[in-house]
Amino acid sequence: STRLASIYAMGWYRQAPGKQRELVAQITSSGDTNTADSVKGR
């Protein structure tokens, strides 16, 4: 809804039924990315 200078990273998590929420991918304010092994390349 707005751009906050204090936000240093945004990303996506997912939660399947009966499972814990897990990180899928994240991108920092400097553009660095981090992707879960299970989805890397896809």
PDB file of all heavy atoms in Angstrom:
ATOM      1  N   SER A   1       0.815  -1.220   0.000  1.00  0.00           N
ATOM      2  CA  SER A   1       0.000   0.000   0.000  1.00  0.00           C
ATOM      3  C   SER A   1       0.842   1.260   0.000  1.00  0.00           C
ATOM      4  O   SER A   1       0.372   2.326  -0.394  1.00  0.00           O
ATOM      5  CB  SER A   1      -0.922   0.003   1.229  1.00  0.00           C
ATOM      6  OG  SER A   1      -0.168  -0.061   2.428  1.00  0.00           O
ATOM      7  N   THR A   2       2.076   1.136   0.437  1.00  0.00           N
ATOM      8  CA  THR A   2       2.961   2.286   0.462  1.00  0.00           C
ATOM      9  C   THR A   2       4.391   1.807   0.425  1.00  0.00           C
ATOM     10  O   THR A   2       4.652   0.612   0.588  1.00  0.00           O
ATOM     11  CB  THR A   2       2.703   3.129   1.727  1.00  0.00           C
ATOM     12  OG1 THR A   2       3.486   4.331   1.674  1.00  0.00           O
ATOM     13  CG2 THR A   2       3.102   2.366   2.988  1.00  0.00           C
ATOM     14  N   ARG A   3       5.301   2.702   0.205  1.00  0.00           N
ATOM     15  CA  ARG A   3       6.713   2.342   0.193  1.00  0.00           C
ATOM     16  C   ARG A   3       7.334   2.816   1.505  1.00  0.00           C
ATOM     17  O   ARG A   3       7.340   4.006   1.798  1.00  0.00           O
ATOM     18  CB  ARG A   3       7.425   3.000  -0.979  1.00  0.00           C
ATOM     19  CG  ARG A   3       8.895   2.635  -1.081  1.00  0.00           C
ATOM     20  CD  ARG A   3       9.516   3.226  -2.334  1.00  0.00           C
ATOM     21  NE  ARG A   3      10.930   2.986  -2.425  1.00  0.00           N
ATOM     22  CZ  ARG A   3      11.474   1.876  -2.890  1.00  0.00           C
ATOM     23  NH1 ARG A   3      10.693   0.911  -3.309  1.00  0.00           N
ATOM     24  NH2 ARG A   3      12.780   1.720  -2.952  1.00  0.00           N
ATOM     25  N   LEU A   4       7.804   1.870   2.303  1.00  0.00           N
ATOM     26  CA  LEU A   4       8.433   2.190   3.567  1.00  0.00           C
ATOM     27  C   LEU A   4       9.940   2.020   3.450  1.00  0.00           C
ATOM     28  O   LEU A   4      10.420   0.966   3.044  1.00  0.00           O
ATOM     29  CB  LEU A   4       7.908   1.282   4.684  1.00  0.00           C
ATOM     30  CG  LEU A   4       6.423   1.413   5.045  1.00  0.00           C
ATOM     31  CD1 LEU A   4       6.077   0.441   6.166  1.00  0.00           C
ATOM     32  CD2 LEU A   4       6.096   2.838   5.459  1.00  0.00           C
ATOM     33  N   ALA A   5      10.662   3.057   3.837  1.00  0.00           N
ATOM     34  CA  ALA A   5      12.124   2.982   3.759  1.00  0.00           C
ATOM     35  C   ALA A   5      12.676   1.921   4.698  1.00  0.00           C
ATOM     36  O   ALA A   5      13.778   1.414   4.486  1.00  0.00           O
ATOM     37  CB  ALA A   5      12.720   4.337   4.091  1.00  0.00           C
ATOM     38  N   SER A   6      11.889   1.552   5.722  1.00  0.00           N
ATOM     39  CA  SER A   6      12.372   0.580   6.700  1.00  0.00           C
ATOM     40  C   SER A   6      12.253  -0.865   6.223  1.00  0.00           C
ATOM     41  O   SER A   6      12.788  -1.766   6.857  1.00  0.00           O
ATOM     42  CB  SER A   6      11.600   0.744   8.010  1.00  0.00           C
ATOM     43  OG  SER A   6      10.224   0.528   7.797  1.00  0.00           O
ATOM     44  N   ILE A   7      11.550  -1.091   5.107  1.00  0.00           N
ATOM     45  CA  ILE A   7      11.420  -2.459   4.580  1.00  0.00           C
ATOM     46  C   ILE A   7      12.722  -2.862   3.914  1.00  0.00           C
ATOM     47  O   ILE A   7      13.170  -2.215   2.970  1.00  0.00           O
ATOM     48  CB  ILE A   7      10.268  -2.555   3.574  1.00  0.00           C
ATOM     49  CG1 ILE A   7       8.940  -2.239   4.257  1.00  0.00           C
ATOM     50  CG2 ILE A   7      10.226  -3.939   2.935  1.00  0.00           C
ATOM     51  CD1 ILE A   7       8.537  -3.216   5.327  1.00  0.00           C
ATOM     52  N   TYR A   8      13.347  -3.950   4.404  1.00  0.00           N
ATOM     53  CA  TYR A   8      14.624  -4.373   3.826  1.00  0.00           C
ATOM     54  C   TYR A   8      14.490  -5.641   2.980  1.00  0.00           C
ATOM     55  O   TYR A   8      15.429  -6.013   2.267  1.00  0.00           O
ATOM     56  CB  TYR A   8      15.685  -4.563   4.910  1.00  0.00           C
ATOM     57  CG  TYR A   8      15.410  -5.685   5.880  1.00  0.00           C
ATOM     58  CD1 TYR A   8      15.779  -6.996   5.581  1.00  0.00           C
ATOM     59  CD2 TYR A   8      14.797  -5.441   7.093  1.00  0.00           C
ATOM     60  CE1 TYR A   8      15.534  -8.027   6.472  1.00  0.00           C
ATOM     61  CE2 TYR A   8      14.550  -6.466   7.986  1.00  0.00           C
ATOM     62  CZ  TYR A   8      14.920  -7.755   7.664  1.00  0.00           C
ATOM     63  OH  TYR A   8      14.665  -8.774   8.547  1.00  0.00           O
ATOM     64  N   ALA A   9      13.332  -6.292   3.062  1.00  0.00           N
ATOM     65  CA  ALA A   9      13.139  -7.489   2.241  1.00  0.00           C
ATOM     66  C   ALA A   9      11.663  -7.768   2.065  1.00  0.00           C
ATOM     67  O   ALA A   9      10.849  -7.503   2.961  1.00  0.00           O
ATOM     68  CB  ALA A   9      13.819  -8.698   2.875  1.00  0.00           C
ATOM     69  N   MET A  10      11.323  -8.315   0.903  1.00  0.00           N
ATOM     70  CA  MET A  10       9.969  -8.800   0.654  1.00  0.00           C
ATOM     71  C   MET A  10      10.077 -10.187   0.066  1.00  0.00           C
ATOM     72  O   MET A  10      11.080 -10.526  -0.577  1.00  0.00           O
ATOM     73  CB  MET A  10       9.209  -7.872  -0.291  1.00  0.00           C
ATOM     74  CG  MET A  10       8.902  -6.514   0.311  1.00  0.00           C
ATOM     75  SD  MET A  10       7.847  -5.500  -0.736  1.00  0.00           S
ATOM     76  CE  MET A  10       6.286  -6.400  -0.643  1.00  0.00           C
ATOM     77  N   GLY A  11       9.052 -10.977   0.291  1.00  0.00           N
ATOM     78  CA  GLY A  11       9.136 -12.335  -0.198  1.00  0.00           C
ATOM     79  C   GLY A  11       7.808 -13.058  -0.193  1.00  0.00           C
ATOM     80  O   GLY A  11       6.766 -12.468   0.100  1.00  0.00           O
ATOM     81  N   TRP A  12       7.902 -14.319  -0.524  1.00  0.00           N
ATOM     82  CA  TRP A  12       6.739 -15.205  -0.584  1.00  0.00           C
ATOM     83  C   TRP A  12       6.983 -16.415   0.300  1.00  0.00           C
ATOM     84  O   TRP A  12       8.058 -17.028   0.247  1.00  0.00           O
ATOM     85  CB  TRP A  12       6.481 -15.672  -2.012  1.00  0.00           C
ATOM     86  CG  TRP A  12       6.016 -14.574  -2.913  1.00  0.00           C
ATOM     87  CD1 TRP A  12       6.790 -13.766  -3.698  1.00  0.00           C
ATOM     88  CD2 TRP A  12       4.672 -14.156  -3.127  1.00  0.00           C
ATOM     89  NE1 TRP A  12       6.005 -12.875  -4.382  1.00  0.00           N
ATOM     90  CE2 TRP A  12       4.691 -13.092  -4.054  1.00  0.00           C
ATOM     91  CE3 TRP A  12       3.438 -14.575  -2.637  1.00  0.00           C
ATOM     92  CZ2 TRP A  12       3.540 -12.450  -4.488  1.00  0.00           C
ATOM     93  CZ3 TRP A  12       2.285 -13.939  -3.069  1.00  0.00           C
ATOM     94  CH2 TRP A  12       2.340 -12.892  -3.979  1.00  0.00           C
ATOM     95  N   TYR A  13       5.976 -16.739   1.085  1.00  0.00           N
ATOM     96  CA  TYR A  13       5.945 -17.963   1.868  1.00  0.00           C
ATOM     97  C   TYR A  13       4.749 -18.781   1.403  1.00  0.00           C
ATOM     98  O   TYR A  13       3.830 -18.254   0.772  1.00  0.00           O
ATOM     99  CB  TYR A  13       5.790 -17.651   3.356  1.00  0.00           C
ATOM    100  CG  TYR A  13       7.020 -17.077   4.023  1.00  0.00           C
ATOM    101  CD1 TYR A  13       7.463 -15.790   3.729  1.00  0.00           C
ATOM    102  CD2 TYR A  13       7.741 -17.827   4.948  1.00  0.00           C
ATOM    103  CE1 TYR A  13       8.589 -15.262   4.342  1.00  0.00           C
ATOM    104  CE2 TYR A  13       8.873 -17.305   5.570  1.00  0.00           C
ATOM    105  CZ  TYR A  13       9.280 -16.029   5.264  1.00  0.00           C
ATOM    106  OH  TYR A  13      10.400 -15.516   5.880  1.00  0.00           O
ATOM    107  N   ARG A  14       4.744 -20.051   1.742  1.00  0.00           N
ATOM    108  CA  ARG A  14       3.575 -20.877   1.431  1.00  0.00           C
ATOM    109  C   ARG A  14       3.298 -21.829   2.579  1.00  0.00           C
ATOM    110  O   ARG A  14       4.210 -22.188   3.328  1.00  0.00           O
ATOM    111  CB  ARG A  14       3.778 -21.647   0.128  1.00  0.00           C
ATOM    112  CG  ARG A  14       4.840 -22.729   0.169  1.00  0.00           C
ATOM    113  CD  ARG A  14       5.019 -23.344  -1.219  1.00  0.00           C
ATOM    114  NE  ARG A  14       6.015 -24.410  -1.217  1.00  0.00           N
ATOM    115  CZ  ARG A  14       6.439 -25.025  -2.316  1.00  0.00           C
ATOM    116  NH1 ARG A  14       5.946 -24.676  -3.506  1.00  0.00           N
ATOM    117  NH2 ARG A  14       7.333 -25.985  -2.233  1.00  0.00           N
ATOM    118  N   GLN A  15       2.041 -22.215   2.673  1.00  0.00           N
ATOM    119  CA  GLN A  15       1.631 -23.157   3.705  1.00  0.00           C
ATOM    120  C   GLN A  15       0.640 -24.141   3.107  1.00  0.00           C
ATOM    121  O   GLN A  15      -0.448 -23.751   2.670  1.00  0.00           O
ATOM    122  CB  GLN A  15       1.020 -22.437   4.898  1.00  0.00           C
ATOM    123  CG  GLN A  15       0.732 -23.344   6.080  1.00  0.00           C
ATOM    124  CD  GLN A  15       0.438 -22.569   7.347  1.00  0.00           C
ATOM    125  OE1 GLN A  15       0.110 -21.382   7.309  1.00  0.00           O
ATOM    126  NE2 GLN A  15       0.579 -23.224   8.484  1.00  0.00           N
ATOM    127  N   ALA A  16       1.034 -25.402   3.102  1.00  0.00           N
ATOM    128  CA  ALA A  16       0.163 -26.470   2.631  1.00  0.00           C
ATOM    129  C   ALA A  16      -0.603 -27.033   3.827  1.00  0.00           C
ATOM    130  O   ALA A  16      -0.159 -26.895   4.974  1.00  0.00           O
ATOM    131  CB  ALA A  16       0.995 -27.558   1.968  1.00  0.00           C
ATOM    132  N   PRO A  17      -1.734 -27.684   3.587  1.00  0.00           N
ATOM    133  CA  PRO A  17      -2.524 -28.239   4.691  1.00  0.00           C
ATOM    134  C   PRO A  17      -1.696 -29.183   5.555  1.00  0.00           C
ATOM    135  O   PRO A  17      -1.005 -30.072   5.035  1.00  0.00           O
ATOM    136  CB  PRO A  17      -3.645 -28.980   3.976  1.00  0.00           C
ATOM    137  CG  PRO A  17      -3.790 -28.285   2.674  1.00  0.00           C
ATOM    138  CD  PRO A  17      -2.402 -27.866   2.286  1.00  0.00           C
ATOM    139  N   GLY A  18      -1.720 -28.970   6.855  1.00  0.00           N
ATOM    140  CA  GLY A  18      -1.013 -29.832   7.783  1.00  0.00           C
ATOM    141  C   GLY A  18       0.483 -29.595   7.854  1.00  0.00           C
ATOM    142  O   GLY A  18       1.189 -30.346   8.549  1.00  0.00           O
ATOM    143  N   LYS A  19       0.969 -28.571   7.175  1.00  0.00           N
ATOM    144  CA  LYS A  19       2.403 -28.293   7.173  1.00  0.00           C
ATOM    145  C   LYS A  19       2.678 -26.888   7.688  1.00  0.00           C
ATOM    146  O   LYS A  19       1.795 -26.034   7.717  1.00  0.00           O
ATOM    147  CB  LYS A  19       2.976 -28.457   5.768  1.00  0.00           C
ATOM    148  CG  LYS A  19       2.925 -29.880   5.245  1.00  0.00           C
ATOM    149  CD  LYS A  19       3.691 -30.011   3.953  1.00  0.00           C
ATOM    150  CE  LYS A  19       3.725 -31.442   3.452  1.00  0.00           C
ATOM    151  NZ  LYS A  19       4.501 -31.591   2.202  1.00  0.00           N
ATOM    152  N   GLN A  20       3.922 -26.661   8.074  1.00  0.00           N
ATOM    153  CA  GLN A  20       4.319 -25.340   8.537  1.00  0.00           C
ATOM    154  C   GLN A  20       4.526 -24.394   7.356  1.00  0.00           C
ATOM    155  O   GLN A  20       4.828 -24.829   6.241  1.00  0.00           O
ATOM    156  CB  GLN A  20       5.622 -25.449   9.350  1.00  0.00           C
ATOM    157  CG  GLN A  20       5.442 -26.102  10.706  1.00  0.00           C
ATOM    158  CD  GLN A  20       6.693 -25.983  11.560  1.00  0.00           C
ATOM    159  OE1 GLN A  20       7.804 -25.925  11.049  1.00  0.00           O
ATOM    160  NE2 GLN A  20       6.507 -25.936  12.869  1.00  0.00           N
ATOM    161  N   ARG A  21       4.380 -23.110   7.645  1.00  0.00           N
ATOM    162  CA  ARG A  21       4.646 -22.115   6.620  1.00  0.00           C
ATOM    163  C   ARG A  21       6.141 -22.115   6.315  1.00  0.00           C
ATOM    164  O   ARG A  21       6.975 -22.170   7.233  1.00  0.00           O
ATOM    165  CB  ARG A  21       4.201 -20.731   7.114  1.00  0.00           C
ATOM    166  CG  ARG A  21       4.159 -19.673   6.047  1.00  0.00           C
ATOM    167  CD  ARG A  21       3.533 -18.391   6.571  1.00  0.00           C
ATOM    168  NE  ARG A  21       2.127 -18.576   6.921  1.00  0.00           N
ATOM    169  CZ  ARG A  21       1.317 -17.573   7.222  1.00  0.00           C
ATOM    170  NH1 ARG A  21       1.765 -16.327   7.223  1.00  0.00           N
ATOM    171  NH2 ARG A  21       0.061 -17.821   7.556  1.00  0.00           N
ATOM    172  N   GLU A  22       6.469 -22.047   5.020  1.00  0.00           N
ATOM    173  CA  GLU A  22       7.873 -22.098   4.625  1.00  0.00           C
ATOM    174  C   GLU A  22       8.189 -20.988   3.637  1.00  0.00           C
ATOM    175  O   GLU A  22       7.333 -20.564   2.858  1.00  0.00           O
ATOM    176  CB  GLU A  22       8.206 -23.452   3.981  1.00  0.00           C
ATOM    177  CG  GLU A  22       7.443 -23.748   2.707  1.00  0.00           C
ATOM    178  CD  GLU A  22       7.861 -25.053   2.051  1.00  0.00           C
ATOM    179  OE1 GLU A  22       8.746 -25.750   2.567  1.00  0.00           O
ATOM    180  OE2 GLU A  22       7.292 -25.379   0.984  1.00  0.00           O
ATOM    181  N   LEU A  23       9.449 -20.555   3.670  1.00  0.00           N
ATOM    182  CA  LEU A  23       9.901 -19.540   2.740  1.00  0.00           C
ATOM    183  C   LEU A  23      10.021 -20.141   1.343  1.00  0.00           C
ATOM    184  O   LEU A  23      10.592 -21.215   1.167  1.00  0.00           O
ATOM    185  CB  LEU A  23      11.256 -18.990   3.182  1.00  0.00           C
ATOM    186  CG  LEU A  23      11.931 -18.006   2.235  1.00  0.00           C
ATOM    187  CD1 LEU A  23      11.154 -16.699   2.162  1.00  0.00           C
ATOM    188  CD2 LEU A  23      13.365 -17.740   2.663  1.00  0.00           C
ATOM    189  N   VAL A  24       9.491 -19.417   0.363  1.00  0.00           N
ATOM    190  CA  VAL A  24       9.620 -19.822  -1.031  1.00  0.00           C
ATOM    191  C   VAL A  24      10.728 -19.006  -1.697  1.00  0.00           C
ATOM    192  O   VAL A  24      11.650 -19.557  -2.301  1.00  0.00           O
ATOM    193  CB  VAL A  24       8.295 -19.616  -1.796  1.00  0.00           C
ATOM    194  CG1 VAL A  24       8.470 -19.970  -3.259  1.00  0.00           C
ATOM    195  CG2 VAL A  24       7.196 -20.460  -1.163  1.00  0.00           C
ATOM    196  N   ALA A  25      10.647 -17.697  -1.583  1.00  0.00           N
ATOM    197  CA  ALA A  25      11.645 -16.827  -2.208  1.00  0.00           C
ATOM    198  C   ALA A  25      11.577 -15.459  -1.555  1.00  0.00           C
ATOM    199  O   ALA A  25      10.520 -15.031  -1.083  1.00  0.00           O
ATOM    200  CB  ALA A  25      11.437 -16.709  -3.712  1.00  0.00           C
ATOM    201  N   GLN A  26      12.726 -14.774  -1.566  1.00  0.00           N
ATOM    202  CA  GLN A  26      12.813 -13.469  -0.936  1.00  0.00           C
ATOM    203  C   GLN A  26      13.734 -12.589  -1.761  1.00  0.00           C
ATOM    204  O   GLN A  26      14.689 -13.081  -2.366  1.00  0.00           O
ATOM    205  CB  GLN A  26      13.359 -13.626   0.487  1.00  0.00           C
ATOM    206  CG  GLN A  26      13.485 -12.351   1.275  1.00  0.00           C
ATOM    207  CD  GLN A  26      13.864 -12.638   2.718  1.00  0.00           C
ATOM    208  OE1 GLN A  26      13.021 -12.951   3.551  1.00  0.00           O
ATOM    209  NE2 GLN A  26      15.146 -12.536   2.993  1.00  0.00           N
ATOM    210  N   ILE A  27      13.433 -11.277  -1.772  1.00  0.00           N
ATOM    211  CA  ILE A  27      14.282 -10.324  -2.471  1.00  0.00           C
ATOM    212  C   ILE A  27      14.519  -9.144  -1.542  1.00  0.00           C
ATOM    213  O   ILE A  27      13.589  -8.626  -0.922  1.00  0.00           O
ATOM    214  CB  ILE A  27      13.652  -9.889  -3.821  1.00  0.00           C
ATOM    215  CG1 ILE A  27      14.605  -8.981  -4.597  1.00  0.00           C
ATOM    216  CG2 ILE A  27      12.292  -9.231  -3.641  1.00  0.00           C
ATOM    217  CD1 ILE A  27      14.198  -8.807  -6.062  1.00  0.00           C
ATOM    218  N   THR A  28      15.782  -8.732  -1.435  1.00  0.00           N
ATOM    219  CA  THR A  28      16.116  -7.645  -0.529  1.00  0.00           C
ATOM    220  C   THR A  28      16.016  -6.297  -1.248  1.00  0.00           C
ATOM    221  O   THR A  28      15.861  -6.237  -2.474  1.00  0.00           O
ATOM    222  CB  THR A  28      17.532  -7.807   0.033  1.00  0.00           C
ATOM    223  OG1 THR A  28      18.464  -7.602  -1.035  1.00  0.00           O
ATOM    224  CG2 THR A  28      17.735  -9.192   0.628  1.00  0.00           C
ATOM    225  N   SER A  29      16.146  -5.239  -0.468  1.00  0.00           N
ATOM    226  CA  SER A  29      16.081  -3.901  -1.039  1.00  0.00           C
ATOM    227  C   SER A  29      17.237  -3.629  -1.997  1.00  0.00           C
ATOM    228  O   SER A  29      17.138  -2.769  -2.867  1.00  0.00           O
ATOM    229  CB  SER A  29      16.068  -2.853   0.076  1.00  0.00           C
ATOM    230  OG  SER A  29      17.198  -3.012   0.912  1.00  0.00           O
ATOM    231  N   SER A  30      18.310  -4.393  -1.865  1.00  0.00           N
ATOM    232  CA  SER A  30      19.451  -4.238  -2.766  1.00  0.00           C
ATOM    233  C   SER A  30      19.359  -5.155  -3.975  1.00  0.00           C
ATOM    234  O   SER A  30      20.240  -5.143  -4.827  1.00  0.00           O
ATOM    235  CB  SER A  30      20.756  -4.508  -2.014  1.00  0.00           C
ATOM    236  OG  SER A  30      20.762  -5.807  -1.477  1.00  0.00           O
ATOM    237  N   GLY A  31      18.286  -5.971  -4.024  1.00  0.00           N
ATOM    238  CA  GLY A  31      18.073  -6.833  -5.175  1.00  0.00           C
ATOM    239  C   GLY A  31      18.585  -8.255  -5.030  1.00  0.00           C
ATOM    240  O   GLY A  31      18.435  -9.063  -5.958  1.00  0.00           O
ATOM    241  N   ASP A  32      19.178  -8.577  -3.913  1.00  0.00           N
ATOM    242  CA  ASP A  32      19.630  -9.950  -3.683  1.00  0.00           C
ATOM    243  C   ASP A  32      18.426 -10.864  -3.490  1.00  0.00           C
ATOM    244  O   ASP A  32      17.457 -10.485  -2.830  1.00  0.00           O
ATOM    245  CB  ASP A  32      20.537 -10.019  -2.465  1.00  0.00           C
ATOM    246  CG  ASP A  32      21.831  -9.244  -2.674  1.00  0.00           C
ATOM    247  OD1 ASP A  32      22.311  -9.185  -3.812  1.00  0.00           O
ATOM    248  OD2 ASP A  32      22.340  -8.691  -1.683  1.00  0.00           O
ATOM    249  N   THR A  33      18.526 -12.057  -4.048  1.00  0.00           N
ATOM    250  CA  THR A  33      17.407 -13.003  -3.940  1.00  0.00           C
ATOM    251  C   THR A  33      17.843 -14.283  -3.230  1.00  0.00           C
ATOM    252  O   THR A  33      19.017 -14.657  -3.228  1.00  0.00           O
ATOM    253  CB  THR A  33      16.844 -13.363  -5.316  1.00  0.00           C
ATOM    254  OG1 THR A  33      17.863 -13.976  -6.100  1.00  0.00           O
ATOM    255  CG2 THR A  33      16.321 -12.126  -6.029  1.00  0.00           C
ATOM    256  N   ASN A  34      16.854 -14.927  -2.642  1.00  0.00           N
ATOM    257  CA  ASN A  34      17.059 -16.198  -1.960  1.00  0.00           C
ATOM    258  C   ASN A  34      15.868 -17.075  -2.310  1.00  0.00           C
ATOM    259  O   ASN A  34      14.720 -16.664  -2.116  1.00  0.00           O
ATOM    260  CB  ASN A  34      17.140 -15.970  -0.446  1.00  0.00           C
ATOM    261  CG  ASN A  34      17.301 -17.260   0.319  1.00  0.00           C
ATOM    262  OD1 ASN A  34      17.909 -18.205  -0.162  1.00  0.00           O
ATOM    263  ND2 ASN A  34      16.744 -17.305   1.520  1.00  0.00           N
ATOM    264  N   THR A  35      16.123 -18.267  -2.850  1.00  0.00           N
ATOM    265  CA  THR A  35      15.052 -19.146  -3.314  1.00  0.00           C
ATOM    266  C   THR A  35      15.196 -20.520  -2.668  1.00  0.00           C
ATOM    267  O   THR A  35      16.303 -21.049  -2.578  1.00  0.00           O
ATOM    268  CB  THR A  35      15.103 -19.283  -4.840  1.00  0.00           C
ATOM    269  OG1 THR A  35      15.082 -17.989  -5.432  1.00  0.00           O
ATOM    270  CG2 THR A  35      13.909 -20.070  -5.355  1.00  0.00           C
ATOM    271  N   ALA A  36      14.093 -21.082  -2.227  1.00  0.00           N
ATOM    272  CA  ALA A  36      14.110 -22.403  -1.615  1.00  0.00           C
ATOM    273  C   ALA A  36      14.582 -23.449  -2.620  1.00  0.00           C
ATOM    274  O   ALA A  36      14.274 -23.369  -3.817  1.00  0.00           O
ATOM    275  CB  ALA A  36      12.713 -22.760  -1.107  1.00  0.00           C
ATOM    276  N   ASP A  37      15.305 -24.442  -2.116  1.00  0.00           N
ATOM    277  CA  ASP A  37      15.828 -25.489  -3.001  1.00  0.00           C
ATOM    278  C   ASP A  37      14.707 -26.208  -3.748  1.00  0.00           C
ATOM    279  O   ASP A  37      14.888 -26.620  -4.894  1.00  0.00           O
ATOM    280  CB  ASP A  37      16.637 -26.497  -2.183  1.00  0.00           C
ATOM    281  CG  ASP A  37      17.961 -25.923  -1.720  1.00  0.00           C
ATOM    282  OD1 ASP A  37      18.416 -24.909  -2.274  1.00  0.00           O
ATOM    283  OD2 ASP A  37      18.550 -26.513  -0.790  1.00  0.00           O
ATOM    284  N   SER A  38      13.561 -26.346  -3.106  1.00  0.00           N
ATOM    285  CA  SER A  38      12.460 -27.095  -3.707  1.00  0.00           C
ATOM    286  C   SER A  38      11.868 -26.422  -4.946  1.00  0.00           C
ATOM    287  O   SER A  38      11.182 -27.072  -5.739  1.00  0.00           O
ATOM    288  CB  SER A  38      11.353 -27.313  -2.669  1.00  0.00           C
ATOM    289  OG  SER A  38      10.867 -26.062  -2.193  1.00  0.00           O
ATOM    290  N   VAL A  39      12.118 -25.126  -5.105  1.00  0.00           N
ATOM    291  CA  VAL A  39      11.554 -24.411  -6.253  1.00  0.00           C
ATOM    292  C   VAL A  39      12.624 -23.773  -7.123  1.00  0.00           C
ATOM    293  O   VAL A  39      12.314 -23.143  -8.138  1.00  0.00           O
ATOM    294  CB  VAL A  39      10.553 -23.324  -5.796  1.00  0.00           C
ATOM    295  CG1 VAL A  39       9.455 -23.941  -4.926  1.00  0.00           C
ATOM    296  CG2 VAL A  39      11.267 -22.196  -5.051  1.00  0.00           C
ATOM    297  N   LYS A  40      13.869 -23.963  -6.741  1.00  0.00           N
ATOM    298  CA  LYS A  40      14.958 -23.348  -7.498  1.00  0.00           C
ATOM    299  C   LYS A  40      14.950 -23.852  -8.945  1.00  0.00           C
ATOM    300  O   LYS A  40      14.798 -25.046  -9.210  1.00  0.00           O
ATOM    301  CB  LYS A  40      16.288 -23.668  -6.812  1.00  0.00           C
ATOM    302  CG  LYS A  40      17.420 -22.728  -7.141  1.00  0.00           C
ATOM    303  CD  LYS A  40      18.563 -22.858  -6.137  1.00  0.00           C
ATOM    304  CE  LYS A  40      18.197 -22.282  -4.794  1.00  0.00           C
ATOM    305  NZ  LYS A  40      19.323 -22.297  -3.835  1.00  0.00           N
ATOM    306  N   GLY A  41      15.116 -22.911  -9.871  1.00  0.00           N
ATOM    307  CA  GLY A  41      15.082 -23.266 -11.281  1.00  0.00           C
ATOM    308  C   GLY A  41      13.686 -23.257 -11.880  1.00  0.00           C
ATOM    309  O   GLY A  41      13.523 -23.316 -13.108  1.00  0.00           O
ATOM    310  N   ARG A  42      12.669 -23.178 -11.026  1.00  0.00           N
ATOM    311  CA  ARG A  42      11.274 -23.146 -11.503  1.00  0.00           C
ATOM    312  C   ARG A  42      10.580 -21.833 -11.137  1.00  0.00           C
ATOM    313  O   ARG A  42       9.754 -21.335 -11.909  1.00  0.00           O
ATOM    314  CB  ARG A  42      10.484 -24.304 -10.904  1.00  0.00           C
ATOM    315  CG  ARG A  42      11.023 -25.682 -11.256  1.00  0.00           C
ATOM    316  CD  ARG A  42      10.080 -26.795 -10.784  1.00  0.00           C
ATOM    317  NE  ARG A  42       9.931 -26.826  -9.334  1.00  0.00           N
ATOM    318  CZ  ARG A  42       8.761 -26.706  -8.703  1.00  0.00           C
ATOM    319  NH1 ARG A  42       7.644 -26.542  -9.396  1.00  0.00           N
ATOM    320  NH2 ARG A  42       8.706 -26.776  -7.383  1.00  0.00           N
TER     321      ARG A  42
END
